[in-house]
Amino acid sequence: IEVIKGVSLKVSKGEHVVIFGPSGGGK
């Protein structure tokens, strides 16, 4: 089962990133 399928993400200093989504989606 491929849970994460090629994700790219940047987090900058001082930034507040919120990840949301359905259960089982890979968060």
mmCIF file of all heavy atoms, coordinates in Angstrom:
data_MODEL
# 
_entry.id   MODEL 
# 
loop_
_atom_site.group_PDB 
_atom_site.id 
_atom_site.type_symbol 
_atom_site.label_atom_id 
_atom_site.label_alt_id 
_atom_site.label_comp_id 
_atom_site.label_asym_id 
_atom_site.label_entity_id 
_atom_site.label_seq_id 
_atom_site.pdbx_PDB_ins_code 
_atom_site.Cartn_x 
_atom_site.Cartn_y 
_atom_site.Cartn_z 
_atom_site.occupancy 
_atom_site.B_iso_or_equiv 
_atom_site.pdbx_formal_charge 
_atom_site.auth_seq_id 
_atom_site.auth_comp_id 
_atom_site.auth_asym_id 
_atom_site.auth_atom_id 
_atom_site.pdbx_PDB_model_num 
ATOM 1   N N   . ILE A 1 1  ? 0.843   -1.193 0.000  1.00 0.00 ? 1  ILE A N   1 
ATOM 2   C CA  . ILE A 1 1  ? 0.000   0.000  0.000  1.00 0.00 ? 1  ILE A CA  1 
ATOM 3   C C   . ILE A 1 1  ? 0.879   1.245  0.000  1.00 0.00 ? 1  ILE A C   1 
ATOM 4   O O   . ILE A 1 1  ? 1.660   1.474  0.933  1.00 0.00 ? 1  ILE A O   1 
ATOM 5   C CB  . ILE A 1 1  ? -0.931  0.021  1.223  1.00 0.00 ? 1  ILE A CB  1 
ATOM 6   C CG1 . ILE A 1 1  ? -1.828  -1.224 1.213  1.00 0.00 ? 1  ILE A CG1 1 
ATOM 7   C CG2 . ILE A 1 1  ? -1.778  1.286  1.232  1.00 0.00 ? 1  ILE A CG2 1 
ATOM 8   C CD1 . ILE A 1 1  ? -2.677  -1.379 2.459  1.00 0.00 ? 1  ILE A CD1 1 
ATOM 9   N N   . GLU A 1 2  ? 0.769   2.054  -1.040 1.00 0.00 ? 2  GLU A N   1 
ATOM 10  C CA  . GLU A 1 2  ? 1.512   3.311  -1.103 1.00 0.00 ? 2  GLU A CA  1 
ATOM 11  C C   . GLU A 1 2  ? 0.715   4.372  -0.351 1.00 0.00 ? 2  GLU A C   1 
ATOM 12  O O   . GLU A 1 2  ? -0.383  4.753  -0.757 1.00 0.00 ? 2  GLU A O   1 
ATOM 13  C CB  . GLU A 1 2  ? 1.749   3.738  -2.551 1.00 0.00 ? 2  GLU A CB  1 
ATOM 14  C CG  . GLU A 1 2  ? 2.708   4.910  -2.661 1.00 0.00 ? 2  GLU A CG  1 
ATOM 15  C CD  . GLU A 1 2  ? 3.044   5.283  -4.096 1.00 0.00 ? 2  GLU A CD  1 
ATOM 16  O OE1 . GLU A 1 2  ? 2.259   4.929  -5.013 1.00 0.00 ? 2  GLU A OE1 1 
ATOM 17  O OE2 . GLU A 1 2  ? 4.077   5.935  -4.297 1.00 0.00 ? 2  GLU A OE2 1 
ATOM 18  N N   . VAL A 1 3  ? 1.288   4.856  0.751  1.00 0.00 ? 3  VAL A N   1 
ATOM 19  C CA  . VAL A 1 3  ? 0.588   5.788  1.637  1.00 0.00 ? 3  VAL A CA  1 
ATOM 20  C C   . VAL A 1 3  ? 0.880   7.230  1.257  1.00 0.00 ? 3  VAL A C   1 
ATOM 21  O O   . VAL A 1 3  ? -0.004  8.089  1.329  1.00 0.00 ? 3  VAL A O   1 
ATOM 22  C CB  . VAL A 1 3  ? 0.991   5.518  3.104  1.00 0.00 ? 3  VAL A CB  1 
ATOM 23  C CG1 . VAL A 1 3  ? 0.322   6.512  4.047  1.00 0.00 ? 3  VAL A CG1 1 
ATOM 24  C CG2 . VAL A 1 3  ? 0.624   4.094  3.494  1.00 0.00 ? 3  VAL A CG2 1 
ATOM 25  N N   . ILE A 1 4  ? 2.119   7.519  0.865  1.00 0.00 ? 4  ILE A N   1 
ATOM 26  C CA  . ILE A 1 4  ? 2.507   8.850  0.405  1.00 0.00 ? 4  ILE A CA  1 
ATOM 27  C C   . ILE A 1 4  ? 3.019   8.711  -1.028 1.00 0.00 ? 4  ILE A C   1 
ATOM 28  O O   . ILE A 1 4  ? 3.933   7.936  -1.300 1.00 0.00 ? 4  ILE A O   1 
ATOM 29  C CB  . ILE A 1 4  ? 3.593   9.467  1.303  1.00 0.00 ? 4  ILE A CB  1 
ATOM 30  C CG1 . ILE A 1 4  ? 3.071   9.632  2.732  1.00 0.00 ? 4  ILE A CG1 1 
ATOM 31  C CG2 . ILE A 1 4  ? 4.048   10.814 0.752  1.00 0.00 ? 4  ILE A CG2 1 
ATOM 32  C CD1 . ILE A 1 4  ? 1.913   10.598 2.885  1.00 0.00 ? 4  ILE A CD1 1 
ATOM 33  N N   . LYS A 1 5  ? 2.433   9.495  -1.929 1.00 0.00 ? 5  LYS A N   1 
ATOM 34  C CA  . LYS A 1 5  ? 2.632   9.271  -3.360 1.00 0.00 ? 5  LYS A CA  1 
ATOM 35  C C   . LYS A 1 5  ? 3.291   10.469 -4.044 1.00 0.00 ? 5  LYS A C   1 
ATOM 36  O O   . LYS A 1 5  ? 2.696   11.114 -4.897 1.00 0.00 ? 5  LYS A O   1 
ATOM 37  C CB  . LYS A 1 5  ? 1.280   8.966  -4.024 1.00 0.00 ? 5  LYS A CB  1 
ATOM 38  C CG  . LYS A 1 5  ? 0.524   7.804  -3.376 1.00 0.00 ? 5  LYS A CG  1 
ATOM 39  C CD  . LYS A 1 5  ? -0.880  7.649  -3.942 1.00 0.00 ? 5  LYS A CD  1 
ATOM 40  C CE  . LYS A 1 5  ? -1.631  6.516  -3.256 1.00 0.00 ? 5  LYS A CE  1 
ATOM 41  N NZ  . LYS A 1 5  ? -3.020  6.389  -3.758 1.00 0.00 ? 5  LYS A NZ  1 
ATOM 42  N N   . GLY A 1 6  ? 4.501   10.779 -3.599 1.00 0.00 ? 6  GLY A N   1 
ATOM 43  C CA  . GLY A 1 6  ? 5.239   11.841 -4.264 1.00 0.00 ? 6  GLY A CA  1 
ATOM 44  C C   . GLY A 1 6  ? 4.856   13.228 -3.798 1.00 0.00 ? 6  GLY A C   1 
ATOM 45  O O   . GLY A 1 6  ? 4.397   14.059 -4.584 1.00 0.00 ? 6  GLY A O   1 
ATOM 46  N N   . VAL A 1 7  ? 5.074   13.507 -2.522 1.00 0.00 ? 7  VAL A N   1 
ATOM 47  C CA  . VAL A 1 7  ? 4.701   14.797 -1.930 1.00 0.00 ? 7  VAL A CA  1 
ATOM 48  C C   . VAL A 1 7  ? 5.937   15.688 -1.800 1.00 0.00 ? 7  VAL A C   1 
ATOM 49  O O   . VAL A 1 7  ? 6.999   15.240 -1.358 1.00 0.00 ? 7  VAL A O   1 
ATOM 50  C CB  . VAL A 1 7  ? 4.056   14.597 -0.543 1.00 0.00 ? 7  VAL A CB  1 
ATOM 51  C CG1 . VAL A 1 7  ? 3.922   15.926 0.196  1.00 0.00 ? 7  VAL A CG1 1 
ATOM 52  C CG2 . VAL A 1 7  ? 2.687   13.942 -0.698 1.00 0.00 ? 7  VAL A CG2 1 
ATOM 53  N N   . SER A 1 8  ? 5.785   16.938 -2.161 1.00 0.00 ? 8  SER A N   1 
ATOM 54  C CA  . SER A 1 8  ? 6.810   17.958 -1.953 1.00 0.00 ? 8  SER A CA  1 
ATOM 55  C C   . SER A 1 8  ? 6.206   19.084 -1.113 1.00 0.00 ? 8  SER A C   1 
ATOM 56  O O   . SER A 1 8  ? 5.070   19.495 -1.360 1.00 0.00 ? 8  SER A O   1 
ATOM 57  C CB  . SER A 1 8  ? 7.314   18.517 -3.287 1.00 0.00 ? 8  SER A CB  1 
ATOM 58  O OG  . SER A 1 8  ? 7.963   17.510 -4.047 1.00 0.00 ? 8  SER A OG  1 
ATOM 59  N N   . LEU A 1 9  ? 6.973   19.565 -0.134 1.00 0.00 ? 9  LEU A N   1 
ATOM 60  C CA  . LEU A 1 9  ? 6.454   20.574 0.791  1.00 0.00 ? 9  LEU A CA  1 
ATOM 61  C C   . LEU A 1 9  ? 7.619   21.338 1.400  1.00 0.00 ? 9  LEU A C   1 
ATOM 62  O O   . LEU A 1 9  ? 8.623   20.743 1.795  1.00 0.00 ? 9  LEU A O   1 
ATOM 63  C CB  . LEU A 1 9  ? 5.641   19.901 1.905  1.00 0.00 ? 9  LEU A CB  1 
ATOM 64  C CG  . LEU A 1 9  ? 5.009   20.803 2.973  1.00 0.00 ? 9  LEU A CG  1 
ATOM 65  C CD1 . LEU A 1 9  ? 3.963   21.717 2.363  1.00 0.00 ? 9  LEU A CD1 1 
ATOM 66  C CD2 . LEU A 1 9  ? 4.400   19.953 4.081  1.00 0.00 ? 9  LEU A CD2 1 
ATOM 67  N N   . LYS A 1 10 ? 7.471   22.663 1.488  1.00 0.00 ? 10 LYS A N   1 
ATOM 68  C CA  . LYS A 1 10 ? 8.477   23.507 2.122  1.00 0.00 ? 10 LYS A CA  1 
ATOM 69  C C   . LYS A 1 10 ? 7.866   24.181 3.350  1.00 0.00 ? 10 LYS A C   1 
ATOM 70  O O   . LYS A 1 10 ? 6.703   24.587 3.333  1.00 0.00 ? 10 LYS A O   1 
ATOM 71  C CB  . LYS A 1 10 ? 8.975   24.589 1.164  1.00 0.00 ? 10 LYS A CB  1 
ATOM 72  C CG  . LYS A 1 10 ? 9.755   24.076 -0.035 1.00 0.00 ? 10 LYS A CG  1 
ATOM 73  C CD  . LYS A 1 10 ? 10.177  25.244 -0.921 1.00 0.00 ? 10 LYS A CD  1 
ATOM 74  C CE  . LYS A 1 10 ? 10.892  24.765 -2.169 1.00 0.00 ? 10 LYS A CE  1 
ATOM 75  N NZ  . LYS A 1 10 ? 11.291  25.915 -3.045 1.00 0.00 ? 10 LYS A NZ  1 
ATOM 76  N N   . VAL A 1 11 ? 8.677   24.297 4.397  1.00 0.00 ? 11 VAL A N   1 
ATOM 77  C CA  . VAL A 1 11 ? 8.282   25.009 5.614  1.00 0.00 ? 11 VAL A CA  1 
ATOM 78  C C   . VAL A 1 11 ? 9.331   26.085 5.864  1.00 0.00 ? 11 VAL A C   1 
ATOM 79  O O   . VAL A 1 11 ? 10.518  25.783 6.043  1.00 0.00 ? 11 VAL A O   1 
ATOM 80  C CB  . VAL A 1 11 ? 8.202   24.065 6.824  1.00 0.00 ? 11 VAL A CB  1 
ATOM 81  C CG1 . VAL A 1 11 ? 7.778   24.843 8.068  1.00 0.00 ? 11 VAL A CG1 1 
ATOM 82  C CG2 . VAL A 1 11 ? 7.239   22.910 6.551  1.00 0.00 ? 11 VAL A CG2 1 
ATOM 83  N N   . SER A 1 12 ? 8.905   27.339 5.875  1.00 0.00 ? 12 SER A N   1 
ATOM 84  C CA  . SER A 1 12 ? 9.824   28.451 6.105  1.00 0.00 ? 12 SER A CA  1 
ATOM 85  C C   . SER A 1 12 ? 9.922   28.772 7.589  1.00 0.00 ? 12 SER A C   1 
ATOM 86  O O   . SER A 1 12 ? 9.004   28.482 8.370  1.00 0.00 ? 12 SER A O   1 
ATOM 87  C CB  . SER A 1 12 ? 9.348   29.702 5.345  1.00 0.00 ? 12 SER A CB  1 
ATOM 88  O OG  . SER A 1 12 ? 9.308   29.451 3.952  1.00 0.00 ? 12 SER A OG  1 
ATOM 89  N N   . LYS A 1 13 ? 11.021  29.404 7.988  1.00 0.00 ? 13 LYS A N   1 
ATOM 90  C CA  . LYS A 1 13 ? 11.207  29.784 9.375  1.00 0.00 ? 13 LYS A CA  1 
ATOM 91  C C   . LYS A 1 13 ? 10.101  30.737 9.808  1.00 0.00 ? 13 LYS A C   1 
ATOM 92  O O   . LYS A 1 13 ? 9.762   31.688 9.111  1.00 0.00 ? 13 LYS A O   1 
ATOM 93  C CB  . LYS A 1 13 ? 12.575  30.462 9.554  1.00 0.00 ? 13 LYS A CB  1 
ATOM 94  C CG  . LYS A 1 13 ? 12.894  30.820 10.995 1.00 0.00 ? 13 LYS A CG  1 
ATOM 95  C CD  . LYS A 1 13 ? 14.277  31.437 11.115 1.00 0.00 ? 13 LYS A CD  1 
ATOM 96  C CE  . LYS A 1 13 ? 14.586  31.802 12.561 1.00 0.00 ? 13 LYS A CE  1 
ATOM 97  N NZ  . LYS A 1 13 ? 15.930  32.422 12.703 1.00 0.00 ? 13 LYS A NZ  1 
ATOM 98  N N   . GLY A 1 14 ? 9.504   30.454 10.957 1.00 0.00 ? 14 GLY A N   1 
ATOM 99  C CA  . GLY A 1 14 ? 8.437   31.276 11.499 1.00 0.00 ? 14 GLY A CA  1 
ATOM 100 C C   . GLY A 1 14 ? 7.057   30.962 10.960 1.00 0.00 ? 14 GLY A C   1 
ATOM 101 O O   . GLY A 1 14 ? 6.065   31.544 11.406 1.00 0.00 ? 14 GLY A O   1 
ATOM 102 N N   . GLU A 1 15 ? 6.970   30.027 10.022 1.00 0.00 ? 15 GLU A N   1 
ATOM 103 C CA  . GLU A 1 15 ? 5.690   29.699 9.386  1.00 0.00 ? 15 GLU A CA  1 
ATOM 104 C C   . GLU A 1 15 ? 4.916   28.687 10.230 1.00 0.00 ? 15 GLU A C   1 
ATOM 105 O O   . GLU A 1 15 ? 5.490   27.855 10.929 1.00 0.00 ? 15 GLU A O   1 
ATOM 106 C CB  . GLU A 1 15 ? 5.964   29.120 7.994  1.00 0.00 ? 15 GLU A CB  1 
ATOM 107 C CG  . GLU A 1 15 ? 4.725   28.973 7.123  1.00 0.00 ? 15 GLU A CG  1 
ATOM 108 C CD  . GLU A 1 15 ? 5.082   28.554 5.705  1.00 0.00 ? 15 GLU A CD  1 
ATOM 109 O OE1 . GLU A 1 15 ? 6.084   27.836 5.520  1.00 0.00 ? 15 GLU A OE1 1 
ATOM 110 O OE2 . GLU A 1 15 ? 4.350   28.938 4.780  1.00 0.00 ? 15 GLU A OE2 1 
ATOM 111 N N   . HIS A 1 16 ? 3.582   28.773 10.118 1.00 0.00 ? 16 HIS A N   1 
ATOM 112 C CA  . HIS A 1 16 ? 2.696   27.834 10.804 1.00 0.00 ? 16 HIS A CA  1 
ATOM 113 C C   . HIS A 1 16 ? 1.919   27.069 9.731  1.00 0.00 ? 16 HIS A C   1 
ATOM 114 O O   . HIS A 1 16 ? 1.011   27.612 9.105  1.00 0.00 ? 16 HIS A O   1 
ATOM 115 C CB  . HIS A 1 16 ? 1.738   28.571 11.740 1.00 0.00 ? 16 HIS A CB  1 
ATOM 116 C CG  . HIS A 1 16 ? 2.424   29.563 12.619 1.00 0.00 ? 16 HIS A CG  1 
ATOM 117 N ND1 . HIS A 1 16 ? 1.992   30.863 12.766 1.00 0.00 ? 16 HIS A ND1 1 
ATOM 118 C CD2 . HIS A 1 16 ? 3.556   29.456 13.359 1.00 0.00 ? 16 HIS A CD2 1 
ATOM 119 C CE1 . HIS A 1 16 ? 2.801   31.510 13.584 1.00 0.00 ? 16 HIS A CE1 1 
ATOM 120 N NE2 . HIS A 1 16 ? 3.765   30.679 13.951 1.00 0.00 ? 16 HIS A NE2 1 
ATOM 121 N N   . VAL A 1 17 ? 2.305   25.830 9.537  1.00 0.00 ? 17 VAL A N   1 
ATOM 122 C CA  . VAL A 1 17 ? 1.702   24.986 8.509  1.00 0.00 ? 17 VAL A CA  1 
ATOM 123 C C   . VAL A 1 17 ? 0.712   24.033 9.179  1.00 0.00 ? 17 VAL A C   1 
ATOM 124 O O   . VAL A 1 17 ? 1.058   23.360 10.156 1.00 0.00 ? 17 VAL A O   1 
ATOM 125 C CB  . VAL A 1 17 ? 2.778   24.179 7.746  1.00 0.00 ? 17 VAL A CB  1 
ATOM 126 C CG1 . VAL A 1 17 ? 2.130   23.239 6.732  1.00 0.00 ? 17 VAL A CG1 1 
ATOM 127 C CG2 . VAL A 1 17 ? 3.752   25.124 7.048  1.00 0.00 ? 17 VAL A CG2 1 
ATOM 128 N N   . VAL A 1 18 ? -0.506  23.994 8.669  1.00 0.00 ? 18 VAL A N   1 
ATOM 129 C CA  . VAL A 1 18 ? -1.534  23.099 9.205  1.00 0.00 ? 18 VAL A CA  1 
ATOM 130 C C   . VAL A 1 18 ? -1.888  22.077 8.128  1.00 0.00 ? 18 VAL A C   1 
ATOM 131 O O   . VAL A 1 18 ? -2.255  22.440 7.012  1.00 0.00 ? 18 VAL A O   1 
ATOM 132 C CB  . VAL A 1 18 ? -2.795  23.873 9.637  1.00 0.00 ? 18 VAL A CB  1 
ATOM 133 C CG1 . VAL A 1 18 ? -3.881  22.894 10.093 1.00 0.00 ? 18 VAL A CG1 1 
ATOM 134 C CG2 . VAL A 1 18 ? -2.457  24.850 10.762 1.00 0.00 ? 18 VAL A CG2 1 
ATOM 135 N N   . ILE A 1 19 ? -1.750  20.799 8.484  1.00 0.00 ? 19 ILE A N   1 
ATOM 136 C CA  . ILE A 1 19 ? -2.092  19.708 7.580  1.00 0.00 ? 19 ILE A CA  1 
ATOM 137 C C   . ILE A 1 19 ? -3.403  19.100 8.054  1.00 0.00 ? 19 ILE A C   1 
ATOM 138 O O   . ILE A 1 19 ? -3.543  18.727 9.224  1.00 0.00 ? 19 ILE A O   1 
ATOM 139 C CB  . ILE A 1 19 ? -0.978  18.642 7.575  1.00 0.00 ? 19 ILE A CB  1 
ATOM 140 C CG1 . ILE A 1 19 ? 0.349   19.256 7.107  1.00 0.00 ? 19 ILE A CG1 1 
ATOM 141 C CG2 . ILE A 1 19 ? -1.361  17.458 6.679  1.00 0.00 ? 19 ILE A CG2 1 
ATOM 142 C CD1 . ILE A 1 19 ? 1.539   18.311 7.208  1.00 0.00 ? 19 ILE A CD1 1 
ATOM 143 N N   . PHE A 1 20 ? -4.362  19.002 7.152  1.00 0.00 ? 20 PHE A N   1 
ATOM 144 C CA  . PHE A 1 20 ? -5.659  18.430 7.511  1.00 0.00 ? 20 PHE A CA  1 
ATOM 145 C C   . PHE A 1 20 ? -6.140  17.521 6.386  1.00 0.00 ? 20 PHE A C   1 
ATOM 146 O O   . PHE A 1 20 ? -5.594  17.518 5.280  1.00 0.00 ? 20 PHE A O   1 
ATOM 147 C CB  . PHE A 1 20 ? -6.681  19.527 7.811  1.00 0.00 ? 20 PHE A CB  1 
ATOM 148 C CG  . PHE A 1 20 ? -7.070  20.374 6.617  1.00 0.00 ? 20 PHE A CG  1 
ATOM 149 C CD1 . PHE A 1 20 ? -8.289  20.182 5.989  1.00 0.00 ? 20 PHE A CD1 1 
ATOM 150 C CD2 . PHE A 1 20 ? -6.231  21.377 6.127  1.00 0.00 ? 20 PHE A CD2 1 
ATOM 151 C CE1 . PHE A 1 20 ? -8.661  20.958 4.891  1.00 0.00 ? 20 PHE A CE1 1 
ATOM 152 C CE2 . PHE A 1 20 ? -6.590  22.156 5.047  1.00 0.00 ? 20 PHE A CE2 1 
ATOM 153 C CZ  . PHE A 1 20 ? -7.812  21.947 4.418  1.00 0.00 ? 20 PHE A CZ  1 
ATOM 154 N N   . GLY A 1 21 ? -7.174  16.743 6.681  1.00 0.00 ? 21 GLY A N   1 
ATOM 155 C CA  . GLY A 1 21 ? -7.699  15.830 5.677  1.00 0.00 ? 21 GLY A CA  1 
ATOM 156 C C   . GLY A 1 21 ? -8.317  14.607 6.319  1.00 0.00 ? 21 GLY A C   1 
ATOM 157 O O   . GLY A 1 21 ? -8.293  14.448 7.548  1.00 0.00 ? 21 GLY A O   1 
ATOM 158 N N   . PRO A 1 22 ? -8.885  13.707 5.524  1.00 0.00 ? 22 PRO A N   1 
ATOM 159 C CA  . PRO A 1 22 ? -9.576  12.538 6.065  1.00 0.00 ? 22 PRO A CA  1 
ATOM 160 C C   . PRO A 1 22 ? -8.620  11.565 6.739  1.00 0.00 ? 22 PRO A C   1 
ATOM 161 O O   . PRO A 1 22 ? -7.421  11.515 6.427  1.00 0.00 ? 22 PRO A O   1 
ATOM 162 C CB  . PRO A 1 22 ? -10.214 11.908 4.822  1.00 0.00 ? 22 PRO A CB  1 
ATOM 163 C CG  . PRO A 1 22 ? -9.359  12.372 3.683  1.00 0.00 ? 22 PRO A CG  1 
ATOM 164 C CD  . PRO A 1 22 ? -8.917  13.753 4.056  1.00 0.00 ? 22 PRO A CD  1 
ATOM 165 N N   . SER A 1 23 ? -9.146  10.790 7.673  1.00 0.00 ? 23 SER A N   1 
ATOM 166 C CA  . SER A 1 23 ? -8.350  9.758  8.333  1.00 0.00 ? 23 SER A CA  1 
ATOM 167 C C   . SER A 1 23 ? -7.858  8.749  7.300  1.00 0.00 ? 23 SER A C   1 
ATOM 168 O O   . SER A 1 23 ? -8.582  8.394  6.372  1.00 0.00 ? 23 SER A O   1 
ATOM 169 C CB  . SER A 1 23 ? -9.190  9.043  9.400  1.00 0.00 ? 23 SER A CB  1 
ATOM 170 O OG  . SER A 1 23 ? -9.589  9.957  10.408 1.00 0.00 ? 23 SER A OG  1 
ATOM 171 N N   . GLY A 1 24 ? -6.624  8.311  7.480  1.00 0.00 ? 24 GLY A N   1 
ATOM 172 C CA  . GLY A 1 24 ? -6.055  7.351  6.552  1.00 0.00 ? 24 GLY A CA  1 
ATOM 173 C C   . GLY A 1 24 ? -5.509  7.954  5.285  1.00 0.00 ? 24 GLY A C   1 
ATOM 174 O O   . GLY A 1 24 ? -5.077  7.225  4.381  1.00 0.00 ? 24 GLY A O   1 
ATOM 175 N N   . GLY A 1 25 ? -5.492  9.283  5.200  1.00 0.00 ? 25 GLY A N   1 
ATOM 176 C CA  . GLY A 1 25 ? -5.039  9.937  3.977  1.00 0.00 ? 25 GLY A CA  1 
ATOM 177 C C   . GLY A 1 25 ? -3.533  10.132 3.879  1.00 0.00 ? 25 GLY A C   1 
ATOM 178 O O   . GLY A 1 25 ? -3.030  10.538 2.834  1.00 0.00 ? 25 GLY A O   1 
ATOM 179 N N   . GLY A 1 26 ? -2.814  9.867  4.998  1.00 0.00 ? 26 GLY A N   1 
ATOM 180 C CA  . GLY A 1 26 ? -1.364  9.974  4.971  1.00 0.00 ? 26 GLY A CA  1 
ATOM 181 C C   . GLY A 1 26 ? -0.794  11.135 5.763  1.00 0.00 ? 26 GLY A C   1 
ATOM 182 O O   . GLY A 1 26 ? 0.428   11.362 5.733  1.00 0.00 ? 26 GLY A O   1 
ATOM 183 N N   . LYS A 1 27 ? -1.628  11.867 6.505  1.00 0.00 ? 27 LYS A N   1 
ATOM 184 C CA  . LYS A 1 27 ? -1.168  13.077 7.201  1.00 0.00 ? 27 LYS A CA  1 
ATOM 185 C C   . LYS A 1 27 ? -0.065  12.772 8.209  1.00 0.00 ? 27 LYS A C   1 
ATOM 186 O O   . LYS A 1 27 ? 0.985   13.414 8.210  1.00 0.00 ? 27 LYS A O   1 
ATOM 187 C CB  . LYS A 1 27 ? -2.345  13.758 7.918  1.00 0.00 ? 27 LYS A CB  1 
ATOM 188 C CG  . LYS A 1 27 ? -3.549  14.080 7.063  1.00 0.00 ? 27 LYS A CG  1 
ATOM 189 C CD  . LYS A 1 27 ? -4.603  14.814 7.855  1.00 0.00 ? 27 LYS A CD  1 
ATOM 190 C CE  . LYS A 1 27 ? -5.127  14.057 9.060  1.00 0.00 ? 27 LYS A CE  1 
ATOM 191 N NZ  . LYS A 1 27 ? -5.798  12.780 8.695  1.00 0.00 ? 27 LYS A NZ  1 
# 
